[in-house]
Protein backbone atom coordinates (compact mmCIF):
# COMPACT_ATOMS: atom_id res chain seq x y z
CA UNK A 1 121.25 58.73 77.78
CA UNK A 2 119.40 55.27 77.52
CA UNK A 3 116.16 55.10 75.16
CA UNK A 4 113.14 54.33 77.28
CA UNK A 5 112.88 50.92 75.76
CA UNK A 6 116.34 50.13 77.39
CA UNK A 7 115.30 50.63 80.77
CA UNK A 8 114.91 47.57 82.71
CA UNK A 9 111.82 46.88 85.24
CA UNK A 10 113.88 48.50 88.24
CA UNK A 11 114.66 51.34 86.46
CA UNK A 12 111.17 51.75 85.33
CA UNK A 13 109.63 51.44 88.70
CA UNK A 14 112.19 53.96 89.95
CA UNK A 15 111.13 56.43 87.46
CA UNK A 16 107.47 55.94 87.84
CA UNK A 17 108.04 56.42 91.62
CA UNK A 18 109.79 59.83 91.32
CA UNK A 19 107.51 61.15 88.63
CA UNK A 20 110.38 61.50 86.04
CA UNK A 21 108.63 59.00 83.56
CA UNK A 22 105.31 57.76 83.16
CA UNK A 23 103.97 54.08 82.43
CA UNK A 24 102.40 55.60 79.16
CA UNK A 25 105.58 56.96 77.87
CA UNK A 26 107.64 53.83 78.45
CA UNK A 27 104.92 51.77 76.81
CA UNK A 28 104.62 53.93 73.80
CA UNK A 29 108.60 53.53 73.55
CA UNK A 30 108.23 50.01 73.63
CA UNK A 31 105.71 49.74 71.07
CA UNK A 32 107.74 52.09 68.57
CA UNK A 33 110.72 49.60 69.28
CA UNK A 34 108.46 46.94 68.43
CA UNK A 35 107.50 48.64 65.17
CA UNK A 36 111.18 49.25 64.48
CA UNK A 37 112.49 45.77 64.84
CA UNK A 38 109.86 42.99 64.75
CA UNK A 39 109.56 43.04 61.11
CA UNK A 40 113.23 41.98 60.86
CA UNK A 41 113.23 39.28 63.85
CA UNK A 42 109.77 38.15 63.96
CA UNK A 43 109.54 37.74 67.85
CA UNK A 44 106.21 39.26 68.33
CA UNK A 45 103.04 37.34 66.69
CA UNK A 46 100.01 39.30 68.59
CA UNK A 47 99.64 42.78 69.83
CA UNK A 48 96.74 45.02 71.21
CA UNK A 49 98.36 48.72 71.34
CA UNK A 50 95.01 50.07 72.58
CA UNK A 51 94.67 47.61 75.65
CA UNK A 52 98.57 48.25 76.42
CA UNK A 53 98.11 52.06 76.39
CA UNK A 54 94.75 51.81 78.23
CA UNK A 55 96.41 49.85 81.00
CA UNK A 56 99.64 52.27 81.09
CA UNK A 57 97.30 55.13 81.93
CA UNK A 58 95.59 52.92 84.54
CA UNK A 59 99.05 52.55 86.03
CA UNK A 60 100.18 56.02 85.51
CA UNK A 61 97.15 57.19 87.62
CA UNK A 62 98.06 54.50 90.53
CA UNK A 63 101.66 55.85 90.44
CA UNK A 64 100.42 59.36 90.83
CA UNK A 65 98.21 58.19 93.69
CA UNK A 66 101.27 56.59 95.37
CA UNK A 67 99.24 53.26 95.16
CA UNK A 68 100.87 51.21 92.69
CA UNK A 69 100.21 47.65 92.78
CA UNK A 70 103.53 46.10 92.98
CA UNK A 71 107.06 46.79 91.54
CA UNK A 72 105.87 45.77 88.05
CA UNK A 73 102.93 48.23 87.97
CA UNK A 74 103.44 49.65 84.50
CA UNK A 75 106.29 47.42 83.16
CA UNK A 76 105.71 45.74 79.68
CA UNK A 77 105.83 41.96 79.88
CA UNK A 78 105.24 39.73 76.75
CA UNK A 79 103.74 36.33 77.20
CA UNK A 80 104.78 33.28 74.96
CA UNK A 81 102.03 32.01 72.77
CA UNK A 82 101.64 28.96 74.47
CA UNK A 83 100.40 30.66 77.77
CA UNK A 84 96.52 31.71 77.55
CA UNK A 85 96.16 35.59 78.04
CA UNK A 86 92.51 36.98 78.00
CA UNK A 87 91.85 38.92 74.70
CA UNK A 88 94.81 37.76 72.80
CA UNK A 89 95.22 34.77 70.41
CA UNK A 90 96.73 31.72 71.70
CA UNK A 91 97.62 29.53 68.76
CA UNK A 92 100.38 27.28 70.20
CA UNK A 93 102.11 27.81 66.96
CA UNK A 94 99.89 25.59 65.09
CA UNK A 95 97.23 26.12 62.37
CA UNK A 96 94.95 23.77 64.23
CA UNK A 97 94.74 26.47 66.95
CA UNK A 98 94.65 29.36 64.71
CA UNK A 99 91.52 30.74 65.81
CA UNK A 100 91.82 29.87 69.76
CA UNK A 101 90.85 33.04 71.77
CA UNK A 102 90.91 32.01 75.38
CA UNK A 103 88.45 33.74 77.71
CA UNK A 104 90.52 33.54 81.01
CA UNK A 105 94.29 34.18 81.63
CA UNK A 106 96.18 31.52 82.89
CA UNK A 107 97.03 31.87 86.48
CA UNK A 108 100.39 33.11 86.34
CA UNK A 109 99.42 35.74 83.76
CA UNK A 110 96.46 36.78 86.14
CA UNK A 111 99.00 37.02 88.62
CA UNK A 112 100.99 39.54 86.65
CA UNK A 113 97.72 41.48 85.63
CA UNK A 114 96.79 41.87 89.52
CA UNK A 115 100.27 43.32 90.04
CA UNK A 116 99.77 46.05 87.11
CA UNK A 117 102.20 44.46 84.81
CA UNK A 118 101.06 45.64 81.06
CA UNK A 119 100.72 42.33 78.91
CA UNK A 120 100.97 43.95 75.72
CA UNK A 121 102.20 41.19 73.21
CA UNK A 122 102.36 37.18 72.42
CA UNK A 123 105.59 35.91 71.36
CA UNK A 124 106.58 33.13 68.48
CA UNK A 125 107.06 29.60 69.22
CA UNK A 126 107.74 26.38 67.27
CA UNK A 127 104.58 24.14 66.60
CA UNK A 128 103.58 22.82 70.12
CA UNK A 129 106.66 24.05 71.69
CA UNK A 130 108.45 20.80 70.62
CA UNK A 131 111.45 21.78 68.72
CA UNK A 132 114.71 23.55 69.70
CA UNK A 133 114.19 26.34 67.09
CA UNK A 134 111.42 29.00 66.66
CA UNK A 135 109.42 28.86 63.48
CA UNK A 136 105.84 27.86 62.23
CA UNK A 137 103.66 28.11 59.37
CA UNK A 138 101.36 30.67 61.12
CA UNK A 139 103.82 33.06 61.78
CA UNK A 140 107.07 32.22 60.24
CA UNK A 141 110.72 32.36 61.35
CA UNK A 142 112.05 34.14 64.29
CA UNK A 143 115.66 35.09 64.14
CA UNK A 144 118.32 36.00 66.75
CA UNK A 145 118.85 39.84 67.26
CA UNK A 146 122.66 39.16 67.66
CA UNK A 147 122.76 37.67 64.08
CA UNK A 148 119.69 37.68 61.88
CA UNK A 149 120.69 34.72 59.93
CA UNK A 150 120.74 32.61 63.14
CA UNK A 151 118.18 31.03 65.28
CA UNK A 152 117.66 32.16 68.91
CA UNK A 153 116.66 28.61 69.69
CA UNK A 154 113.50 27.34 71.00
CA UNK A 155 110.90 26.92 72.12
CA UNK A 156 110.96 30.48 73.75
CA UNK A 157 112.86 31.91 70.78
CA UNK A 158 110.20 34.74 70.32
CA UNK A 159 110.37 35.48 74.00
CA UNK A 160 114.29 36.06 74.06
CA UNK A 161 114.30 37.66 70.92
CA UNK A 162 112.08 40.15 71.89
CA UNK A 163 113.77 40.94 75.25
CA UNK A 164 117.13 40.97 73.48
CA UNK A 165 115.96 43.41 71.16
CA UNK A 166 114.31 45.82 73.43
CA UNK A 167 110.73 44.76 73.01
CA UNK A 168 110.09 45.14 76.79
CA UNK A 169 112.27 44.31 79.77
CA UNK A 170 110.51 41.06 80.67
CA UNK A 171 108.79 37.85 79.18
CA UNK A 172 106.86 35.07 80.34
CA UNK A 173 107.71 31.75 78.92
CA UNK A 174 107.43 28.01 79.50
CA UNK A 175 110.49 25.43 79.94
CA UNK A 176 109.43 21.80 79.52
CA UNK A 177 113.10 20.62 78.42
CA UNK A 178 115.21 23.62 78.31
CA UNK A 179 113.02 26.13 76.27
CA UNK A 180 113.71 29.05 78.58
CA UNK A 181 117.34 28.13 79.36
CA UNK A 182 118.66 27.48 75.75
CA UNK A 183 117.33 30.44 74.12
CA UNK A 184 118.56 32.71 76.97
CA UNK A 185 121.72 31.25 76.28
CA UNK A 186 121.88 32.30 72.84
CA UNK A 187 120.60 35.74 73.24
CA UNK A 188 122.60 36.78 76.52
CA UNK A 189 119.74 36.84 78.85
CA UNK A 190 118.96 35.40 82.15
CA UNK A 191 116.17 32.88 82.55
CA UNK A 192 115.06 30.48 85.45
CA UNK A 193 113.41 27.25 85.16
CA UNK A 194 111.88 27.08 88.50
CA UNK A 195 111.47 24.12 90.80
CA UNK A 196 108.20 21.87 89.85
CA UNK A 197 105.26 23.59 91.10
CA UNK A 198 106.93 26.67 92.61
CA UNK A 199 104.97 28.77 89.95
CA UNK A 200 101.29 27.56 90.52
CA UNK A 201 99.27 26.94 87.24
CA UNK A 202 95.70 26.88 86.26
CA UNK A 203 93.56 27.62 83.07
CA UNK A 204 96.41 26.79 80.87
CA UNK A 205 96.36 24.71 77.62
CA UNK A 206 96.18 20.97 77.76
CA UNK A 207 99.29 19.24 79.20
CA UNK A 208 101.79 18.39 76.56
CA UNK A 209 104.51 17.28 78.76
CA UNK A 210 103.02 16.31 82.16
CA UNK A 211 105.46 16.52 85.01
CA UNK A 212 107.96 18.29 82.98
CA UNK A 213 106.67 21.80 81.80
CA UNK A 214 106.91 24.96 84.14
CA UNK A 215 106.18 28.61 83.47
CA UNK A 216 109.33 30.91 84.21
CA UNK A 217 110.77 34.47 83.62
CA UNK A 218 112.92 35.79 81.24
CA UNK A 219 114.97 39.20 82.19
CA UNK A 220 118.14 41.00 81.42
CA UNK A 221 119.40 41.10 85.16
CA UNK A 222 119.12 38.91 88.03
CA UNK A 223 117.41 41.74 90.11
CA UNK A 224 114.58 42.13 87.25
CA UNK A 225 114.32 38.09 87.28
CA UNK A 226 113.62 38.28 91.14
CA UNK A 227 111.15 41.07 90.71
CA UNK A 228 108.83 39.31 88.40
CA UNK A 229 109.65 35.72 90.25
CA UNK A 230 108.12 37.12 93.44
CA UNK A 231 104.90 37.98 91.66
CA UNK A 232 104.76 34.48 89.80
CA UNK A 233 105.69 32.19 92.88
CA UNK A 234 104.66 33.11 96.24
CA UNK A 235 107.12 31.29 98.07
CA UNK A 236 109.82 33.59 96.63
CA UNK A 237 109.02 36.82 98.39
CA UNK A 238 111.81 36.05 100.97
CA UNK A 239 114.55 36.60 98.16
CA UNK A 240 117.04 39.31 99.19
CA UNK A 241 119.77 40.04 96.89
CA UNK A 242 121.12 42.59 99.10
CA UNK A 243 121.79 40.13 102.10
CA UNK A 244 125.19 38.63 102.68
CA UNK A 245 126.34 36.24 100.24
CA UNK A 246 125.58 32.59 100.96
CA UNK A 247 128.64 30.15 102.03
CA UNK A 248 130.84 28.85 99.46
CA UNK A 249 129.04 26.33 97.41
CA UNK A 250 130.45 22.56 96.37
CA UNK A 251 129.84 22.95 92.36
CA UNK A 252 130.12 19.64 90.45
CA UNK A 253 131.12 20.84 86.85
CA UNK A 254 129.69 18.46 84.21
CA UNK A 255 131.43 19.35 81.10
CA UNK A 256 129.58 16.89 78.80
CA UNK A 257 126.99 14.24 79.14
CA UNK A 258 128.14 10.86 78.41
CA UNK A 259 130.88 11.87 76.28
CA UNK A 260 128.31 13.93 73.90
CA UNK A 261 130.04 16.66 71.57
CA UNK A 262 130.02 20.36 72.85
CA UNK A 263 131.05 23.22 70.43
CA UNK A 264 134.67 24.29 71.43
CA UNK A 265 133.69 28.05 71.83
CA UNK A 266 130.96 27.03 74.45
CA UNK A 267 133.25 24.54 76.14
CA UNK A 268 136.10 27.09 76.22
CA UNK A 269 133.89 29.85 77.67
CA UNK A 270 132.06 27.61 80.55
CA UNK A 271 135.75 26.36 81.51
CA UNK A 272 136.46 30.10 82.18
CA UNK A 273 133.27 30.45 84.15
CA UNK A 274 134.21 27.42 86.43
CA UNK A 275 137.51 29.53 87.02
CA UNK A 276 135.77 32.72 87.98
CA UNK A 277 133.30 30.67 90.19
CA UNK A 278 136.21 29.09 92.02
CA UNK A 279 137.67 32.65 92.34
CA UNK A 280 134.45 33.74 93.94
CA UNK A 281 135.58 31.17 96.82
CA UNK A 282 133.37 28.20 95.48
CA UNK A 283 134.58 24.61 95.59
CA UNK A 284 134.82 23.42 91.92
CA UNK A 285 135.48 19.91 90.61
CA UNK A 286 134.60 17.90 87.33
CA UNK A 287 132.33 15.19 87.83
CA UNK A 288 130.19 12.73 85.39
CA UNK A 289 126.65 12.94 85.28
CA UNK A 290 124.67 9.92 86.36
CA UNK A 291 124.03 7.23 83.63
CA UNK A 292 120.32 7.85 84.01
CA UNK A 293 120.53 11.69 82.69
CA UNK A 294 121.73 10.33 79.40
CA UNK A 295 119.46 7.39 79.04
CA UNK A 296 116.67 9.87 79.74
CA UNK A 297 117.77 12.01 76.80
CA UNK A 298 118.14 8.97 74.57
CA UNK A 299 115.11 6.79 75.62
CA UNK A 300 112.45 8.63 77.54
CA UNK A 301 112.39 12.21 75.96
CA UNK A 302 111.53 10.94 72.52
CA UNK A 303 108.63 8.80 74.30
CA UNK A 304 107.23 11.58 76.47
CA UNK A 305 107.24 14.19 73.70
CA UNK A 306 105.46 11.96 70.83
CA UNK A 307 102.86 10.50 73.54
CA UNK A 308 102.13 14.09 75.06
CA UNK A 309 101.43 15.24 71.23
CA UNK A 310 99.24 11.98 70.53
CA UNK A 311 97.26 12.73 73.74
CA UNK A 312 96.57 16.56 72.91
CA UNK A 313 95.48 15.63 69.48
CA UNK A 314 93.49 12.45 70.16
CA UNK A 315 90.43 14.14 69.11
CA UNK A 316 91.74 15.62 65.90
CA UNK A 317 92.05 12.67 63.56
CA UNK A 318 92.07 13.90 60.12
CA UNK A 319 93.58 17.06 60.66
CA UNK A 320 97.14 15.81 60.22
CA UNK A 321 97.33 17.88 56.99
CA UNK A 322 97.49 20.80 59.00
CA UNK A 323 100.61 19.78 60.97
CA UNK A 324 104.18 20.84 59.85
CA UNK A 325 105.88 17.55 58.40
CA UNK A 326 107.82 17.28 61.65
CA UNK A 327 104.66 17.43 63.90
CA UNK A 328 102.94 15.01 61.80
CA UNK A 329 105.77 12.47 61.89
CA UNK A 330 106.07 12.95 65.65
CA UNK A 331 102.33 12.51 65.77
CA UNK A 332 102.53 9.15 64.04
CA UNK A 333 105.36 8.02 66.11
CA UNK A 334 103.40 8.93 69.15
CA UNK A 335 100.47 6.80 68.18
CA UNK A 336 102.40 3.92 67.50
CA UNK A 337 103.96 3.76 71.08
CA UNK A 338 102.27 1.60 73.65
CA UNK A 339 101.16 2.14 77.44
CA UNK A 340 104.27 0.26 78.21
CA UNK A 341 106.40 2.45 76.30
CA UNK A 342 105.08 5.29 78.29
CA UNK A 343 105.23 3.40 81.63
CA UNK A 344 108.97 2.66 80.80
CA UNK A 345 109.81 6.37 80.11
CA UNK A 346 107.98 7.51 83.13
CA UNK A 347 110.17 4.87 85.24
CA UNK A 348 113.15 6.26 83.55
CA UNK A 349 111.92 10.01 84.64
CA UNK A 350 111.77 8.80 88.28
CA UNK A 351 115.02 7.03 88.04
CA UNK A 352 116.67 10.53 87.02
CA UNK A 353 115.01 12.04 89.88
CA UNK A 354 116.48 9.31 92.48
CA UNK A 355 119.83 9.76 90.84
CA UNK A 356 119.83 13.70 91.19
CA UNK A 357 118.74 13.13 94.80
CA UNK A 358 121.85 11.35 95.22
CA UNK A 359 123.87 13.68 93.48
CA UNK A 360 122.80 16.47 95.94
CA UNK A 361 123.85 14.60 98.83
CA UNK A 362 127.55 15.37 97.97
CA UNK A 363 127.09 18.46 95.99
CA UNK A 364 125.27 21.73 96.44
CA UNK A 365 124.99 22.93 92.86
CA UNK A 366 125.83 21.56 89.14
CA UNK A 367 127.58 23.67 86.64
CA UNK A 368 127.16 22.74 82.93
CA UNK A 369 126.93 24.60 79.54
CA UNK A 370 123.30 25.68 78.76
CA UNK A 371 123.67 24.28 75.10
CA UNK A 372 126.05 21.83 73.40
CA UNK A 373 125.95 23.73 70.05
CA UNK A 374 126.31 27.47 69.18
CA UNK A 375 123.30 28.96 67.22
CA UNK A 376 122.47 27.48 63.69
CA UNK A 377 120.95 28.74 60.53
CA UNK A 378 117.41 30.20 61.67
CA UNK A 379 115.45 28.24 59.16
CA UNK A 380 116.90 24.79 60.36
CA UNK A 381 115.36 22.76 63.25
CA UNK A 382 118.69 21.56 64.62
CA UNK A 383 122.41 21.44 63.79
CA UNK A 384 123.43 18.20 62.16
CA UNK A 385 126.99 18.54 63.72
CA UNK A 386 128.59 19.38 66.73
CA UNK A 387 132.32 20.00 66.88
CA UNK A 388 132.56 17.59 63.87
CA UNK A 389 130.35 15.14 64.92
CA UNK A 390 127.05 13.99 63.61
CA UNK A 391 124.11 14.57 66.02
CA UNK A 392 120.50 14.08 66.17
CA UNK A 393 117.53 16.43 66.70
CA UNK A 394 118.47 16.79 70.50
CA UNK A 395 122.10 16.76 70.19
CA UNK A 396 122.21 20.39 71.05
CA UNK A 397 119.84 20.11 73.96
CA UNK A 398 121.74 17.38 76.13
CA UNK A 399 121.98 19.48 79.16
CA UNK A 400 118.71 20.72 80.14
CA UNK A 401 115.77 18.10 80.04
CA UNK A 402 117.27 16.20 83.04
CA UNK A 403 116.43 19.39 84.88
CA UNK A 404 112.68 19.12 84.04
CA UNK A 405 112.75 15.27 84.55
CA UNK A 406 113.61 15.95 88.42
CA UNK A 407 111.64 18.86 88.91
CA UNK A 408 114.80 20.95 89.58
CA UNK A 409 115.51 24.73 89.36
CA UNK A 410 118.17 25.96 86.95
CA UNK A 411 119.33 29.24 86.00
CA UNK A 412 120.86 30.36 82.65
CA UNK A 413 123.42 33.11 83.24
CA UNK A 414 125.61 34.89 80.12
CA UNK A 415 129.26 33.46 80.30
CA UNK A 416 130.60 35.86 77.76
CA UNK A 417 131.15 38.98 79.14
CA UNK A 418 134.62 39.98 77.40
CA UNK A 419 135.20 40.86 73.86
CA UNK A 420 134.50 38.21 71.61
CA UNK A 421 137.09 35.69 71.23
CA UNK A 422 138.05 34.77 67.58
CA UNK A 423 135.56 32.48 65.80
CA UNK A 424 132.81 33.38 68.36
CA UNK A 425 131.57 36.51 66.14
CA UNK A 426 130.48 38.30 69.30
CA UNK A 427 127.69 35.78 70.01
CA UNK A 428 126.53 35.25 73.54
CA UNK A 429 127.17 32.10 75.24
CA UNK A 430 125.42 30.83 78.36
CA UNK A 431 125.89 28.36 81.33
CA UNK A 432 123.58 26.58 83.46
CA UNK A 433 123.62 26.43 87.37
CA UNK A 434 121.47 23.61 88.94
CA UNK A 435 120.21 23.16 92.33
CA UNK A 436 118.05 20.96 94.27
CA UNK A 437 114.38 21.44 94.53
CA UNK A 438 113.59 24.63 96.30
CA UNK A 439 116.87 26.16 95.99
CA UNK A 440 115.67 28.72 93.55
CA UNK A 441 116.42 31.70 95.90
CA UNK A 442 120.06 30.47 96.22
CA UNK A 443 120.49 30.13 92.50
CA UNK A 444 119.32 33.71 92.24
CA UNK A 445 121.51 34.83 94.92
CA UNK A 446 124.61 33.09 93.10
CA UNK A 447 123.58 34.24 89.89
CA UNK A 448 123.51 37.79 91.08
CA UNK A 449 126.80 37.65 92.92
CA UNK A 450 128.24 36.47 89.45
CA UNK A 451 126.59 39.13 87.54
CA UNK A 452 128.04 42.00 89.76
CA UNK A 453 131.50 40.54 89.22
CA UNK A 454 131.20 39.85 85.46
CA UNK A 455 128.44 42.22 84.25
CA UNK A 456 126.89 41.74 80.75
CA UNK A 457 123.31 43.67 80.68
CA UNK A 458 125.04 46.68 79.16
CA UNK A 459 125.90 44.72 76.01
CA UNK A 460 122.95 44.81 73.19
CA UNK A 461 122.80 43.46 69.73
CA UNK A 462 123.45 45.97 67.09
CA UNK A 463 120.37 45.16 65.26
CA UNK A 464 120.40 47.95 62.74
CA UNK A 465 123.68 46.91 61.54
CA UNK A 466 122.98 43.35 60.92
CA UNK A 467 120.95 41.80 58.01
CA UNK A 468 120.51 38.16 56.95
CA UNK A 469 121.91 37.05 53.72
CA UNK A 470 118.61 36.56 52.19
CA UNK A 471 117.87 40.34 52.58
CA UNK A 472 121.39 41.49 51.21
CA UNK A 473 121.26 39.43 48.24
CA UNK A 474 117.36 40.79 47.39
CA UNK A 475 118.26 44.37 47.95
C-alpha cells in the first residue's frame, strides 16, 4: 500500500472521483510529509496550512457534488519562489525582496487556482534564479533527496527536491537556461521547458531574462506532466497519450557541445538511451551542434544574465550590500556592459534561432544529456571539474541554454532505470529531447512511450536512510 503522499495526480483524481479518498486526507498527508522531511532538504520556504486545508475542503465538496473544476481539483501543487502567488511571499531568493507579498497570482498560477489545484507551498531558489544550484541567505541550502550531501541543481532545486521527496506530486517552476530540466535530471523527475509563449504569462516579477524564461511543469510521470500542462497551456488540450504512437523520428544525438567535457556516468547512460530509442524504431545518428550553440554559451549568456540583473536592480543603487557576493559581482559586471554588448548578445541569440531552424530541416528531434556533470556538494555553486577537466560556472549547463535562446520545447526524462552501475551511487541521470517550436505534444508522446518501456517512477529516494556528513559528524 502506498502512503497518500506517494500518489500521483492521476491516482488522486481517480480516488476523489470514486469517493475512496478526499482532498482533505490527501492534503493532510502531504503536509505531514513536509513536516517530516523538509527540515532535512530545505525545499519549501513558505506554506499556509490553513489556506491549503480550506481549499481542500472546498474541493472535497465539489467532488461530492460531481462538479470538479478539472482533473487537478484537489491536487497539491507547489510553486517556485520567483512566481507570484496571492497571499504568499515571493522573495526571489534575495534579501532585497524579503518583504515582497504580491496581491495577484501570476497568470499560470491563476489558471491552476481556477482548475481547483491546491497551491500550498513556495519552493526554494538561488538568488534571482541565476545560478545552477539552490541556496540563498534567506532560506539556506536545498539538498538532493537522493543524497543530502549533494545539490538538486538549480534554479528549480526546491521544486524538484519537494516532488522527489513526496511533498506534493506536482510543481510549477521556471526555466530560463535549463532551470527545470537540469534539476529534474538530478532528482529522477520529468520536466518540460515549453515552447516560448505556449504558457501565457502576466502579473509576474520583472523580466530577468527577456525572451528566454518560461514557466513549465515538473512531475513524476509524463501523464501527470500532461495533466498540468493542459491547464497551463491552452493549446495543449489536444494531447492524447492513448493515441497511436507517432511515426519513427529522425533523432540527432549531440553527445557533447564543441568538445566540452561530460562525466562518464552521464555519457554512458545517455548512450544507452540512444540504443533504447533506436530499438523503439527511431532513426538515431550522432551529429554536431551548430557552432552558434557553443558561442551562445560562451559569449551571449554571461551578457544577458548580467545585464538582466542590472536592469531589474537599476533603481536599487546602494543596496548592493544585501546581495550575495556572486550576485554583487554579476551586478557590477552588468553595469559595466554597454548597449553594444547587449545588442551583440541578442544578435547571437537570433543566430541560434536561425541555426536551429536549419537543424530541424534535417532532423525531427535532438537527444542530449540534460547535464554535463553529476550533482556536486550542495553548498557549492558549481563543479570546478568535469571528467577531469577544469570548467567554469556554466560548464555543467552547456546542453540547455540554446533551447531557451531558440524558443524551443525540451523534455527531461530519467535515463537510469536499472540498478545503479558501479560508481553512480544510485543517483538519477537525465536525458533531454528537444524539438522544433510547437512540438511540445510530440515530445510528451515520445516521452510517454519511452517511460512505458523503461519505467522509473516507482523508484524513490530512501530519504530516511541518508544523512549529510555534517549531521553525522555533529550527532
